[in-house]
């Protein structure tokens, strides 16, 4: 019974060994061929060509997340409406009702976004 798993074990050992070998060789050759950093300016952190002026761990405004939710709502709507429209003849009334429920749920998400002010651009 265990002899049936011998090819799997050999495969795992060979693939792990090959991965380790390629990792070691790639790192060694990369260090040998890599150019040295260009100096202080080359390794300094920058944002759009100039030094960062705020902490990178700052809190995002909640409107950022609301816009992300809004994008997901409309992205899902479009992603499911196209195949539904193509197959509407085959799925019939059941598909029409199911898509109506789906769109109702998305409209609820849209109303939530509207009430939270995500559509207001200050």
PDB file of N, CA and C in Angstrom:
ATOM      1  N   UNK A   1       0.820  -1.191   0.000  1.00  0.00           N
ATOM      2  CA  UNK A   1       0.000   0.000   0.000  1.00  0.00           C
ATOM      3  C   UNK A   1       0.869   1.263   0.000  1.00  0.00           C
ATOM      4  N   UNK A   2       1.912   1.296   0.833  1.00  0.00           N
ATOM      5  CA  UNK A   2       2.778   2.467   0.870  1.00  0.00           C
ATOM      6  C   UNK A   2       3.610   2.621  -0.395  1.00  0.00           C
ATOM      7  N   UNK A   3       3.819   1.517  -1.114  1.00  0.00           N
ATOM      8  CA  UNK A   3       4.601   1.604  -2.355  1.00  0.00           C
ATOM      9  C   UNK A   3       3.867   2.406  -3.423  1.00  0.00           C
ATOM     10  N   UNK A   4       2.561   2.556  -3.289  1.00  0.00           N
ATOM     11  CA  UNK A   4       1.804   3.378  -4.237  1.00  0.00           C
ATOM     12  C   UNK A   4       2.153   4.859  -4.091  1.00  0.00           C
ATOM     13  N   UNK A   5       2.578   5.257  -2.902  1.00  0.00           N
ATOM     14  CA  UNK A   5       2.901   6.655  -2.639  1.00  0.00           C
ATOM     15  C   UNK A   5       4.376   6.982  -2.861  1.00  0.00           C
ATOM     16  N   UNK A   6       5.179   5.994  -3.209  1.00  0.00           N
ATOM     17  CA  UNK A   6       6.603   6.217  -3.425  1.00  0.00           C
ATOM     18  C   UNK A   6       6.872   7.223  -4.551  1.00  0.00           C
ATOM     19  N   UNK A   7       6.181   7.160  -5.699  1.00  0.00           N
ATOM     20  CA  UNK A   7       6.423   8.174  -6.736  1.00  0.00           C
ATOM     21  C   UNK A   7       6.084   9.596  -6.263  1.00  0.00           C
ATOM     22  N   UNK A   8       5.047   9.724  -5.436  1.00  0.00           N
ATOM     23  CA  UNK A   8       4.685  11.040  -4.911  1.00  0.00           C
ATOM     24  C   UNK A   8       5.777  11.545  -3.987  1.00  0.00           C
ATOM     25  N   UNK A   9       6.304  10.674  -3.142  1.00  0.00           N
ATOM     26  CA  UNK A   9       7.374  11.055  -2.229  1.00  0.00           C
ATOM     27  C   UNK A   9       8.633  11.456  -3.006  1.00  0.00           C
ATOM     28  N   UNK A  10       8.968  10.683  -4.038  1.00  0.00           N
ATOM     29  CA  UNK A  10      10.133  11.012  -4.868  1.00  0.00           C
ATOM     30  C   UNK A  10       9.931  12.366  -5.551  1.00  0.00           C
ATOM     31  N   UNK A  11       8.738  12.600  -6.059  1.00  0.00           N
ATOM     32  CA  UNK A  11       8.425  13.875  -6.705  1.00  0.00           C
ATOM     33  C   UNK A  11       8.590  15.037  -5.730  1.00  0.00           C
ATOM     34  N   UNK A  12       8.069  14.900  -4.516  1.00  0.00           N
ATOM     35  CA  UNK A  12       8.181  15.964  -3.526  1.00  0.00           C
ATOM     36  C   UNK A  12       9.628  16.233  -3.137  1.00  0.00           C
ATOM     37  N   UNK A  13      10.414  15.165  -2.960  1.00  0.00           N
ATOM     38  CA  UNK A  13      11.816  15.337  -2.584  1.00  0.00           C
ATOM     39  C   UNK A  13      12.602  16.003  -3.712  1.00  0.00           C
ATOM     40  N   UNK A  14      12.405  15.542  -4.943  1.00  0.00           N
ATOM     41  CA  UNK A  14      13.122  16.118  -6.078  1.00  0.00           C
ATOM     42  C   UNK A  14      12.720  17.576  -6.286  1.00  0.00           C
ATOM     43  N   UNK A  15      11.418  17.891  -6.199  1.00  0.00           N
ATOM     44  CA  UNK A  15      10.985  19.274  -6.415  1.00  0.00           C
ATOM     45  C   UNK A  15      11.467  20.191  -5.300  1.00  0.00           C
ATOM     46  N   UNK A  16      11.471  19.728  -4.050  1.00  0.00           N
ATOM     47  CA  UNK A  16      11.991  20.548  -2.951  1.00  0.00           C
ATOM     48  C   UNK A  16      13.493  20.759  -3.107  1.00  0.00           C
ATOM     49  N   UNK A  17      14.204  19.722  -3.505  1.00  0.00           N
ATOM     50  CA  UNK A  17      15.644  19.856  -3.728  1.00  0.00           C
ATOM     51  C   UNK A  17      15.952  20.796  -4.875  1.00  0.00           C
ATOM     52  N   UNK A  18      15.211  20.690  -5.963  1.00  0.00           N
ATOM     53  CA  UNK A  18      15.413  21.575  -7.102  1.00  0.00           C
ATOM     54  C   UNK A  18      15.091  23.022  -6.735  1.00  0.00           C
ATOM     55  N   UNK A  19      14.022  23.239  -5.976  1.00  0.00           N
ATOM     56  CA  UNK A  19      13.670  24.593  -5.550  1.00  0.00           C
ATOM     57  C   UNK A  19      14.768  25.183  -4.673  1.00  0.00           C
ATOM     58  N   UNK A  20      15.279  24.407  -3.734  1.00  0.00           N
ATOM     59  CA  UNK A  20      16.354  24.889  -2.862  1.00  0.00           C
ATOM     60  C   UNK A  20      17.612  25.180  -3.669  1.00  0.00           C
ATOM     61  N   UNK A  21      17.957  24.317  -4.606  1.00  0.00           N
ATOM     62  CA  UNK A  21      19.138  24.519  -5.442  1.00  0.00           C
ATOM     63  C   UNK A  21      19.019  25.787  -6.274  1.00  0.00           C
ATOM     64  N   UNK A  22      17.866  25.993  -6.906  1.00  0.00           N
ATOM     65  CA  UNK A  22      17.663  27.187  -7.720  1.00  0.00           C
ATOM     66  C   UNK A  22      17.652  28.452  -6.867  1.00  0.00           C
ATOM     67  N   UNK A  23      17.131  28.364  -5.666  1.00  0.00           N
ATOM     68  CA  UNK A  23      17.126  29.517  -4.778  1.00  0.00           C
ATOM     69  C   UNK A  23      18.542  29.903  -4.384  1.00  0.00           C
ATOM     70  N   UNK A  24      19.345  28.903  -4.027  1.00  0.00           N
ATOM     71  CA  UNK A  24      20.733  29.170  -3.630  1.00  0.00           C
ATOM     72  C   UNK A  24      21.537  29.692  -4.820  1.00  0.00           C
ATOM     73  N   UNK A  25      21.393  29.044  -5.980  1.00  0.00           N
ATOM     74  CA  UNK A  25      22.131  29.488  -7.161  1.00  0.00           C
ATOM     75  C   UNK A  25      21.695  30.876  -7.621  1.00  0.00           C
ATOM     76  N   UNK A  26      20.398  31.122  -7.613  1.00  0.00           N
ATOM     77  CA  UNK A  26      19.889  32.419  -8.051  1.00  0.00           C
ATOM     78  C   UNK A  26      20.354  33.545  -7.145  1.00  0.00           C
ATOM     79  N   UNK A  27      20.347  33.300  -5.850  1.00  0.00           N
ATOM     80  CA  UNK A  27      20.792  34.321  -4.908  1.00  0.00           C
ATOM     81  C   UNK A  27      22.287  34.568  -5.056  1.00  0.00           C
ATOM     82  N   UNK A  28      23.068  33.507  -5.181  1.00  0.00           N
ATOM     83  CA  UNK A  28      24.520  33.658  -5.314  1.00  0.00           C
ATOM     84  C   UNK A  28      24.914  34.357  -6.589  1.00  0.00           C
ATOM     85  N   UNK A  29      24.333  33.946  -7.698  1.00  0.00           N
ATOM     86  CA  UNK A  29      24.652  34.562  -8.985  1.00  0.00           C
ATOM     87  C   UNK A  29      24.148  36.004  -9.018  1.00  0.00           C
ATOM     88  N   UNK A  30      22.988  36.254  -8.408  1.00  0.00           N
ATOM     89  CA  UNK A  30      22.455  37.610  -8.362  1.00  0.00           C
ATOM     90  C   UNK A  30      23.358  38.547  -7.593  1.00  0.00           C
ATOM     91  N   UNK A  31      23.927  38.083  -6.511  1.00  0.00           N
ATOM     92  CA  UNK A  31      24.842  38.919  -5.731  1.00  0.00           C
ATOM     93  C   UNK A  31      26.145  39.178  -6.474  1.00  0.00           C
ATOM     94  N   UNK A  32      26.583  38.194  -7.237  1.00  0.00           N
ATOM     95  CA  UNK A  32      27.824  38.380  -7.989  1.00  0.00           C
ATOM     96  C   UNK A  32      27.646  39.350  -9.148  1.00  0.00           C
ATOM     97  N   UNK A  33      26.518  39.289  -9.818  1.00  0.00           N
ATOM     98  CA  UNK A  33      26.305  40.099 -11.013  1.00  0.00           C
ATOM     99  C   UNK A  33      25.651  41.449 -10.737  1.00  0.00           C
ATOM    100  N   UNK A  34      25.086  41.625  -9.553  1.00  0.00           N
ATOM    101  CA  UNK A  34      24.364  42.864  -9.260  1.00  0.00           C
ATOM    102  C   UNK A  34      25.318  44.037  -9.102  1.00  0.00           C
ATOM    103  N   UNK A  35      24.872  45.176  -9.562  1.00  0.00           N
ATOM    104  CA  UNK A  35      25.640  46.397  -9.366  1.00  0.00           C
ATOM    105  C   UNK A  35      25.424  46.881  -7.942  1.00  0.00           C
ATOM    106  N   UNK A  36      26.383  47.577  -7.428  1.00  0.00           N
ATOM    107  CA  UNK A  36      26.229  48.115  -6.082  1.00  0.00           C
ATOM    108  C   UNK A  36      25.245  49.276  -6.105  1.00  0.00           C
ATOM    109  N   UNK A  37      24.560  49.533  -4.986  1.00  0.00           N
ATOM    110  CA  UNK A  37      23.612  50.650  -4.949  1.00  0.00           C
ATOM    111  C   UNK A  37      24.316  51.961  -5.290  1.00  0.00           C
ATOM    112  N   UNK A  38      23.595  52.877  -5.882  1.00  0.00           N
ATOM    113  CA  UNK A  38      24.164  54.120  -6.356  1.00  0.00           C
ATOM    114  C   UNK A  38      24.472  55.144  -5.289  1.00  0.00           C
ATOM    115  N   UNK A  39      24.198  54.873  -4.064  1.00  0.00           N
ATOM    116  CA  UNK A  39      24.499  55.825  -3.012  1.00  0.00           C
ATOM    117  C   UNK A  39      23.277  56.161  -2.185  1.00  0.00           C
ATOM    118  N   UNK A  40      23.397  57.244  -1.437  1.00  0.00           N
ATOM    119  CA  UNK A  40      22.342  57.635  -0.502  1.00  0.00           C
ATOM    120  C   UNK A  40      21.033  57.964  -1.227  1.00  0.00           C
ATOM    121  N   UNK A  41      21.114  58.662  -2.339  1.00  0.00           N
ATOM    122  CA  UNK A  41      19.909  59.047  -3.069  1.00  0.00           C
ATOM    123  C   UNK A  41      19.199  57.837  -3.672  1.00  0.00           C
ATOM    124  N   UNK A  42      19.972  56.866  -4.103  1.00  0.00           N
ATOM    125  CA  UNK A  42      19.396  55.708  -4.775  1.00  0.00           C
ATOM    126  C   UNK A  42      18.623  54.805  -3.810  1.00  0.00           C
ATOM    127  N   UNK A  43      19.070  54.694  -2.572  1.00  0.00           N
ATOM    128  CA  UNK A  43      18.429  53.787  -1.634  1.00  0.00           C
ATOM    129  C   UNK A  43      17.467  54.502  -0.697  1.00  0.00           C
ATOM    130  N   UNK A  44      17.289  55.799  -0.822  1.00  0.00           N
ATOM    131  CA  UNK A  44      16.378  56.523   0.062  1.00  0.00           C
ATOM    132  C   UNK A  44      14.931  56.304  -0.387  1.00  0.00           C
ATOM    133  N   UNK A  45      13.999  56.272   0.573  1.00  0.00           N
ATOM    134  CA  UNK A  45      12.590  56.113   0.192  1.00  0.00           C
ATOM    135  C   UNK A  45      12.052  57.412  -0.407  1.00  0.00           C
ATOM    136  N   UNK A  46      11.238  57.308  -1.400  1.00  0.00           N
ATOM    137  CA  UNK A  46      10.658  58.498  -2.013  1.00  0.00           C
ATOM    138  C   UNK A  46       9.228  58.215  -2.423  1.00  0.00           C
ATOM    139  N   UNK A  47       8.498  59.277  -2.606  1.00  0.00           N
ATOM    140  CA  UNK A  47       7.112  59.172  -3.024  1.00  0.00           C
ATOM    141  C   UNK A  47       6.914  60.138  -4.182  1.00  0.00           C
ATOM    142  N   UNK A  48       6.707  59.631  -5.347  1.00  0.00           N
ATOM    143  CA  UNK A  48       6.497  60.443  -6.547  1.00  0.00           C
ATOM    144  C   UNK A  48       7.667  61.377  -6.819  1.00  0.00           C
ATOM    145  N   UNK A  49       8.877  60.955  -6.526  1.00  0.00           N
ATOM    146  CA  UNK A  49      10.034  61.751  -6.852  1.00  0.00           C
ATOM    147  C   UNK A  49      10.513  62.669  -5.749  1.00  0.00           C
ATOM    148  N   UNK A  50       9.806  62.726  -4.633  1.00  0.00           N
ATOM    149  CA  UNK A  50      10.277  63.567  -3.536  1.00  0.00           C
ATOM    150  C   UNK A  50      10.107  62.830  -2.214  1.00  0.00           C
ATOM    151  N   UNK A  51      10.751  63.332  -1.198  1.00  0.00           N
ATOM    152  CA  UNK A  51      10.743  62.666   0.103  1.00  0.00           C
ATOM    153  C   UNK A  51       9.331  62.596   0.668  1.00  0.00           C
ATOM    154  N   UNK A  52       9.052  61.509   1.375  1.00  0.00           N
ATOM    155  CA  UNK A  52       7.746  61.355   2.015  1.00  0.00           C
ATOM    156  C   UNK A  52       7.608  62.394   3.121  1.00  0.00           C
ATOM    157  N   UNK A  53       6.450  62.968   3.238  1.00  0.00           N
ATOM    158  CA  UNK A  53       6.250  64.006   4.242  1.00  0.00           C
ATOM    159  C   UNK A  53       5.324  63.573   5.368  1.00  0.00           C
ATOM    160  N   UNK A  54       4.780  62.356   5.310  1.00  0.00           N
ATOM    161  CA  UNK A  54       3.936  61.844   6.380  1.00  0.00           C
ATOM    162  C   UNK A  54       4.357  60.428   6.720  1.00  0.00           C
ATOM    163  N   UNK A  55       3.848  59.960   7.844  1.00  0.00           N
ATOM    164  CA  UNK A  55       4.116  58.602   8.280  1.00  0.00           C
ATOM    165  C   UNK A  55       3.387  57.623   7.355  1.00  0.00           C
ATOM    166  N   UNK A  56       4.042  56.544   7.008  1.00  0.00           N
ATOM    167  CA  UNK A  56       3.426  55.575   6.105  1.00  0.00           C
ATOM    168  C   UNK A  56       2.336  54.761   6.790  1.00  0.00           C
ATOM    169  N   UNK A  57       2.243  54.831   8.104  1.00  0.00           N
ATOM    170  CA  UNK A  57       1.222  54.090   8.833  1.00  0.00           C
ATOM    171  C   UNK A  57       0.061  54.985   9.261  1.00  0.00           C
ATOM    172  N   UNK A  58      -0.210  56.023   8.476  1.00  0.00           N
ATOM    173  CA  UNK A  58      -1.310  56.917   8.823  1.00  0.00           C
ATOM    174  C   UNK A  58      -2.640  56.229   8.560  1.00  0.00           C
ATOM    175  N   UNK A  59      -3.679  56.694   9.234  1.00  0.00           N
ATOM    176  CA  UNK A  59      -5.002  56.120   9.058  1.00  0.00           C
ATOM    177  C   UNK A  59      -5.650  56.709   7.816  1.00  0.00           C
ATOM    178  N   UNK A  60      -6.359  55.860   7.080  1.00  0.00           N
ATOM    179  CA  UNK A  60      -7.080  56.308   5.906  1.00  0.00           C
ATOM    180  C   UNK A  60      -8.440  56.845   6.317  1.00  0.00           C
ATOM    181  N   UNK A  61      -8.914  57.783   5.553  1.00  0.00           N
ATOM    182  CA  UNK A  61     -10.256  58.283   5.761  1.00  0.00           C
ATOM    183  C   UNK A  61     -11.247  57.173   5.424  1.00  0.00           C
ATOM    184  N   UNK A  62     -12.356  57.140   6.143  1.00  0.00           N
ATOM    185  CA  UNK A  62     -13.335  56.076   5.935  1.00  0.00           C
ATOM    186  C   UNK A  62     -13.938  56.158   4.533  1.00  0.00           C
ATOM    187  N   UNK A  63     -13.902  57.335   3.912  1.00  0.00           N
ATOM    188  CA  UNK A  63     -14.444  57.461   2.562  1.00  0.00           C
ATOM    189  C   UNK A  63     -13.672  56.623   1.554  1.00  0.00           C
ATOM    190  N   UNK A  64     -12.405  56.374   1.839  1.00  0.00           N
ATOM    191  CA  UNK A  64     -11.619  55.498   0.956  1.00  0.00           C
ATOM    192  C   UNK A  64     -12.251  54.107   0.902  1.00  0.00           C
ATOM    193  N   UNK A  65     -12.639  53.595   2.058  1.00  0.00           N
ATOM    194  CA  UNK A  65     -13.247  52.267   2.113  1.00  0.00           C
ATOM    195  C   UNK A  65     -14.643  52.281   1.506  1.00  0.00           C
ATOM    196  N   UNK A  66     -15.358  53.364   1.673  1.00  0.00           N
ATOM    197  CA  UNK A  66     -16.686  53.458   1.073  1.00  0.00           C
ATOM    198  C   UNK A  66     -16.599  53.470  -0.451  1.00  0.00           C
ATOM    199  N   UNK A  67     -15.599  54.153  -0.981  1.00  0.00           N
ATOM    200  CA  UNK A  67     -15.408  54.149  -2.433  1.00  0.00           C
ATOM    201  C   UNK A  67     -15.028  52.749  -2.908  1.00  0.00           C
ATOM    202  N   UNK A  68     -14.230  52.035  -2.115  1.00  0.00           N
ATOM    203  CA  UNK A  68     -13.871  50.661  -2.477  1.00  0.00           C
ATOM    204  C   UNK A  68     -15.105  49.770  -2.497  1.00  0.00           C
ATOM    205  N   UNK A  69     -15.981  49.934  -1.514  1.00  0.00           N
ATOM    206  CA  UNK A  69     -17.226  49.151  -1.489  1.00  0.00           C
ATOM    207  C   UNK A  69     -18.082  49.505  -2.697  1.00  0.00           C
ATOM    208  N   UNK A  70     -18.147  50.789  -3.020  1.00  0.00           N
ATOM    209  CA  UNK A  70     -18.925  51.226  -4.173  1.00  0.00           C
ATOM    210  C   UNK A  70     -18.391  50.603  -5.460  1.00  0.00           C
ATOM    211  N   UNK A  71     -17.067  50.572  -5.605  1.00  0.00           N
ATOM    212  CA  UNK A  71     -16.480  49.948  -6.784  1.00  0.00           C
ATOM    213  C   UNK A  71     -16.857  48.468  -6.861  1.00  0.00           C
ATOM    214  N   UNK A  72     -16.785  47.774  -5.735  1.00  0.00           N
ATOM    215  CA  UNK A  72     -17.120  46.346  -5.726  1.00  0.00           C
ATOM    216  C   UNK A  72     -18.579  46.140  -6.098  1.00  0.00           C
ATOM    217  N   UNK A  73     -19.464  46.997  -5.582  1.00  0.00           N
ATOM    218  CA  UNK A  73     -20.892  46.876  -5.894  1.00  0.00           C
ATOM    219  C   UNK A  73     -21.114  46.984  -7.402  1.00  0.00           C
ATOM    220  N   UNK A  74     -20.567  48.013  -8.019  1.00  0.00           N
ATOM    221  CA  UNK A  74     -20.801  48.199  -9.448  1.00  0.00           C
ATOM    222  C   UNK A  74     -20.017  47.204 -10.292  1.00  0.00           C
ATOM    223  N   UNK A  75     -18.859  46.791  -9.832  1.00  0.00           N
ATOM    224  CA  UNK A  75     -18.085  45.802 -10.567  1.00  0.00           C
ATOM    225  C   UNK A  75     -18.813  44.462 -10.587  1.00  0.00           C
ATOM    226  N   UNK A  76     -19.349  44.062  -9.452  1.00  0.00           N
ATOM    227  CA  UNK A  76     -20.113  42.812  -9.400  1.00  0.00           C
ATOM    228  C   UNK A  76     -21.361  42.896 -10.262  1.00  0.00           C
ATOM    229  N   UNK A  77     -21.989  44.040 -10.223  1.00  0.00           N
ATOM    230  CA  UNK A  77     -23.200  44.195 -11.013  1.00  0.00           C
ATOM    231  C   UNK A  77     -22.919  44.002 -12.497  1.00  0.00           C
ATOM    232  N   UNK A  78     -21.910  44.643 -12.999  1.00  0.00           N
ATOM    233  CA  UNK A  78     -21.578  44.525 -14.419  1.00  0.00           C
ATOM    234  C   UNK A  78     -21.080  43.124 -14.751  1.00  0.00           C
ATOM    235  N   UNK A  79     -20.281  42.540 -13.856  1.00  0.00           N
ATOM    236  CA  UNK A  79     -19.715  41.217 -14.125  1.00  0.00           C
ATOM    237  C   UNK A  79     -20.807  40.157 -14.226  1.00  0.00           C
ATOM    238  N   UNK A  80     -21.910  40.330 -13.498  1.00  0.00           N
ATOM    239  CA  UNK A  80     -22.975  39.336 -13.545  1.00  0.00           C
ATOM    240  C   UNK A  80     -24.088  39.696 -14.529  1.00  0.00           C
ATOM    241  N   UNK A  81     -24.192  40.944 -14.916  1.00  0.00           N
ATOM    242  CA  UNK A  81     -25.259  41.322 -15.844  1.00  0.00           C
ATOM    243  C   UNK A  81     -24.996  40.873 -17.272  1.00  0.00           C
ATOM    244  N   UNK A  82     -23.759  40.910 -17.719  1.00  0.00           N
ATOM    245  CA  UNK A  82     -23.472  40.511 -19.098  1.00  0.00           C
ATOM    246  C   UNK A  82     -23.776  39.030 -19.357  1.00  0.00           C
ATOM    247  N   UNK A  83     -23.267  38.088 -18.556  1.00  0.00           N
ATOM    248  CA  UNK A  83     -23.619  36.681 -18.825  1.00  0.00           C
ATOM    249  C   UNK A  83     -25.112  36.413 -18.645  1.00  0.00           C
ATOM    250  N   UNK A  84     -25.735  37.107 -17.718  1.00  0.00           N
ATOM    251  CA  UNK A  84     -27.169  36.935 -17.499  1.00  0.00           C
ATOM    252  C   UNK A  84     -27.946  37.378 -18.730  1.00  0.00           C
ATOM    253  N   UNK A  85     -27.558  38.511 -19.315  1.00  0.00           N
ATOM    254  CA  UNK A  85     -28.261  39.016 -20.487  1.00  0.00           C
ATOM    255  C   UNK A  85     -28.096  38.079 -21.680  1.00  0.00           C
ATOM    256  N   UNK A  86     -26.919  37.462 -21.793  1.00  0.00           N
ATOM    257  CA  UNK A  86     -26.676  36.546 -22.910  1.00  0.00           C
ATOM    258  C   UNK A  86     -27.515  35.277 -22.766  1.00  0.00           C
ATOM    259  N   UNK A  87     -27.670  34.790 -21.545  1.00  0.00           N
ATOM    260  CA  UNK A  87     -28.364  33.522 -21.314  1.00  0.00           C
ATOM    261  C   UNK A  87     -29.804  33.704 -20.856  1.00  0.00           C
ATOM    262  N   UNK A  88     -30.390  34.876 -21.049  1.00  0.00           N
ATOM    263  CA  UNK A  88     -31.737  35.140 -20.533  1.00  0.00           C
ATOM    264  C   UNK A  88     -32.787  34.227 -21.162  1.00  0.00           C
ATOM    265  N   UNK A  89     -32.663  33.906 -22.434  1.00  0.00           N
ATOM    266  CA  UNK A  89     -33.649  33.023 -23.075  1.00  0.00           C
ATOM    267  C   UNK A  89     -33.623  31.618 -22.479  1.00  0.00           C
ATOM    268  N   UNK A  90     -32.430  31.122 -22.123  1.00  0.00           N
ATOM    269  CA  UNK A  90     -32.314  29.769 -21.590  1.00  0.00           C
ATOM    270  C   UNK A  90     -32.776  29.678 -20.133  1.00  0.00           C
ATOM    271  N   UNK A  91     -32.559  30.726 -19.340  1.00  0.00           N
ATOM    272  CA  UNK A  91     -32.875  30.624 -17.911  1.00  0.00           C
ATOM    273  C   UNK A  91     -34.285  31.065 -17.583  1.00  0.00           C
ATOM    274  N   UNK A  92     -34.931  31.815 -18.457  1.00  0.00           N
ATOM    275  CA  UNK A  92     -36.337  32.150 -18.332  1.00  0.00           C
ATOM    276  C   UNK A  92     -36.695  33.011 -17.135  1.00  0.00           C
ATOM    277  N   UNK A  93     -37.908  32.755 -16.616  1.00  0.00           N
ATOM    278  CA  UNK A  93     -38.461  33.568 -15.530  1.00  0.00           C
ATOM    279  C   UNK A  93     -37.663  33.397 -14.233  1.00  0.00           C
ATOM    280  N   UNK A  94     -37.173  32.195 -13.978  1.00  0.00           N
ATOM    281  CA  UNK A  94     -36.386  31.974 -12.764  1.00  0.00           C
ATOM    282  C   UNK A  94     -35.143  32.856 -12.758  1.00  0.00           C
ATOM    283  N   UNK A  95     -34.471  32.940 -13.898  1.00  0.00           N
ATOM    284  CA  UNK A  95     -33.290  33.793 -14.005  1.00  0.00           C
ATOM    285  C   UNK A  95     -33.634  35.257 -13.860  1.00  0.00           C
ATOM    286  N   UNK A  96     -34.787  35.659 -14.382  1.00  0.00           N
ATOM    287  CA  UNK A  96     -35.219  37.044 -14.258  1.00  0.00           C
ATOM    288  C   UNK A  96     -35.480  37.407 -12.801  1.00  0.00           C
ATOM    289  N   UNK A  97     -36.140  36.514 -12.078  1.00  0.00           N
ATOM    290  CA  UNK A  97     -36.418  36.761 -10.655  1.00  0.00           C
ATOM    291  C   UNK A  97     -35.128  36.749  -9.846  1.00  0.00           C
ATOM    292  N   UNK A  98     -34.242  35.805 -10.127  1.00  0.00           N
ATOM    293  CA  UNK A  98     -32.971  35.737  -9.400  1.00  0.00           C
ATOM    294  C   UNK A  98     -32.145  36.999  -9.634  1.00  0.00           C
ATOM    295  N   UNK A  99     -32.110  37.492 -10.872  1.00  0.00           N
ATOM    296  CA  UNK A  99     -31.359  38.718 -11.141  1.00  0.00           C
ATOM    297  C   UNK A  99     -32.030  39.923 -10.507  1.00  0.00           C
ATOM    298  N   UNK A 100     -33.347  39.911 -10.432  1.00  0.00           N
ATOM    299  CA  UNK A 100     -34.052  40.995  -9.745  1.00  0.00           C
ATOM    300  C   UNK A 100     -33.681  41.054  -8.276  1.00  0.00           C
ATOM    301  N   UNK A 101     -33.596  39.897  -7.626  1.00  0.00           N
ATOM    302  CA  UNK A 101     -33.182  39.847  -6.214  1.00  0.00           C
ATOM    303  C   UNK A 101     -31.737  40.311  -6.073  1.00  0.00           C
ATOM    304  N   UNK A 102     -30.889  39.868  -6.982  1.00  0.00           N
ATOM    305  CA  UNK A 102     -29.478  40.277  -6.954  1.00  0.00           C
ATOM    306  C   UNK A 102     -29.344  41.787  -7.106  1.00  0.00           C
ATOM    307  N   UNK A 103     -30.068  42.362  -8.056  1.00  0.00           N
ATOM    308  CA  UNK A 103     -30.000  43.801  -8.265  1.00  0.00           C
ATOM    309  C   UNK A 103     -30.594  44.560  -7.089  1.00  0.00           C
ATOM    310  N   UNK A 104     -31.596  44.001  -6.439  1.00  0.00           N
ATOM    311  CA  UNK A 104     -32.168  44.625  -5.249  1.00  0.00           C
ATOM    312  C   UNK A 104     -31.127  44.703  -4.131  1.00  0.00           C
ATOM    313  N   UNK A 105     -30.368  43.633  -3.951  1.00  0.00           N
ATOM    314  CA  UNK A 105     -29.303  43.633  -2.938  1.00  0.00           C
ATOM    315  C   UNK A 105     -28.252  44.686  -3.285  1.00  0.00           C
ATOM    316  N   UNK A 106     -27.896  44.801  -4.562  1.00  0.00           N
ATOM    317  CA  UNK A 106     -26.915  45.808  -4.963  1.00  0.00           C
ATOM    318  C   UNK A 106     -27.451  47.222  -4.787  1.00  0.00           C
ATOM    319  N   UNK A 107     -28.729  47.410  -5.018  1.00  0.00           N
ATOM    320  CA  UNK A 107     -29.324  48.728  -4.811  1.00  0.00           C
ATOM    321  C   UNK A 107     -29.293  49.097  -3.331  1.00  0.00           C
ATOM    322  N   UNK A 108     -29.499  48.120  -2.462  1.00  0.00           N
ATOM    323  CA  UNK A 108     -29.392  48.382  -1.025  1.00  0.00           C
ATOM    324  C   UNK A 108     -27.972  48.833  -0.686  1.00  0.00           C
ATOM    325  N   UNK A 109     -26.966  48.196  -1.262  1.00  0.00           N
ATOM    326  CA  UNK A 109     -25.584  48.622  -1.061  1.00  0.00           C
ATOM    327  C   UNK A 109     -25.334  50.014  -1.599  1.00  0.00           C
ATOM    328  N   UNK A 110     -25.933  50.336  -2.732  1.00  0.00           N
ATOM    329  CA  UNK A 110     -25.788  51.664  -3.315  1.00  0.00           C
ATOM    330  C   UNK A 110     -26.438  52.718  -2.417  1.00  0.00           C
ATOM    331  N   UNK A 111     -27.599  52.426  -1.889  1.00  0.00           N
ATOM    332  CA  UNK A 111     -28.282  53.372  -0.993  1.00  0.00           C
ATOM    333  C   UNK A 111     -27.466  53.575   0.280  1.00  0.00           C
ATOM    334  N   UNK A 112     -26.865  52.512   0.786  1.00  0.00           N
ATOM    335  CA  UNK A 112     -25.995  52.632   1.957  1.00  0.00           C
ATOM    336  C   UNK A 112     -24.840  53.580   1.664  1.00  0.00           C
ATOM    337  N   UNK A 113     -24.222  53.432   0.509  1.00  0.00           N
ATOM    338  CA  UNK A 113     -23.124  54.313   0.110  1.00  0.00           C
ATOM    339  C   UNK A 113     -23.609  55.759  -0.005  1.00  0.00           C
ATOM    340  N   UNK A 114     -24.774  55.938  -0.583  1.00  0.00           N
ATOM    341  CA  UNK A 114     -25.320  57.273  -0.756  1.00  0.00           C
ATOM    342  C   UNK A 114     -25.566  57.941   0.590  1.00  0.00           C
ATOM    343  N   UNK A 115     -26.159  57.191   1.523  1.00  0.00           N
ATOM    344  CA  UNK A 115     -26.449  57.733   2.857  1.00  0.00           C
ATOM    345  C   UNK A 115     -25.169  58.046   3.636  1.00  0.00           C
ATOM    346  N   UNK A 116     -24.110  57.282   3.414  1.00  0.00           N
ATOM    347  CA  UNK A 116     -22.853  57.522   4.101  1.00  0.00           C
ATOM    348  C   UNK A 116     -22.071  58.683   3.486  1.00  0.00           C
ATOM    349  N   UNK A 117     -22.489  59.168   2.337  1.00  0.00           N
ATOM    350  CA  UNK A 117     -21.835  60.306   1.716  1.00  0.00           C
ATOM    351  C   UNK A 117     -20.666  59.948   0.826  1.00  0.00           C
ATOM    352  N   UNK A 118     -20.580  58.718   0.374  1.00  0.00           N
ATOM    353  CA  UNK A 118     -19.460  58.308  -0.472  1.00  0.00           C
ATOM    354  C   UNK A 118     -19.531  58.940  -1.855  1.00  0.00           C
ATOM    355  N   UNK A 119     -20.710  59.390  -2.262  1.00  0.00           N
ATOM    356  CA  UNK A 119     -20.848  59.998  -3.572  1.00  0.00           C
ATOM    357  C   UNK A 119     -20.611  61.502  -3.561  1.00  0.00           C
ATOM    358  N   UNK A 120     -20.360  62.049  -2.385  1.00  0.00           N
ATOM    359  CA  UNK A 120     -20.072  63.470  -2.234  1.00  0.00           C
ATOM    360  C   UNK A 120     -18.576  63.672  -2.375  1.00  0.00           C
ATOM    361  N   UNK A 121     -18.153  64.444  -3.331  1.00  0.00           N
ATOM    362  CA  UNK A 121     -16.726  64.691  -3.533  1.00  0.00           C
ATOM    363  C   UNK A 121     -16.393  66.075  -3.021  1.00  0.00           C
ATOM    364  N   UNK A 122     -15.772  66.142  -1.863  1.00  0.00           N
ATOM    365  CA  UNK A 122     -15.439  67.432  -1.245  1.00  0.00           C
ATOM    366  C   UNK A 122     -14.239  68.050  -1.891  1.00  0.00           C
TER     367      UNK A 122
END
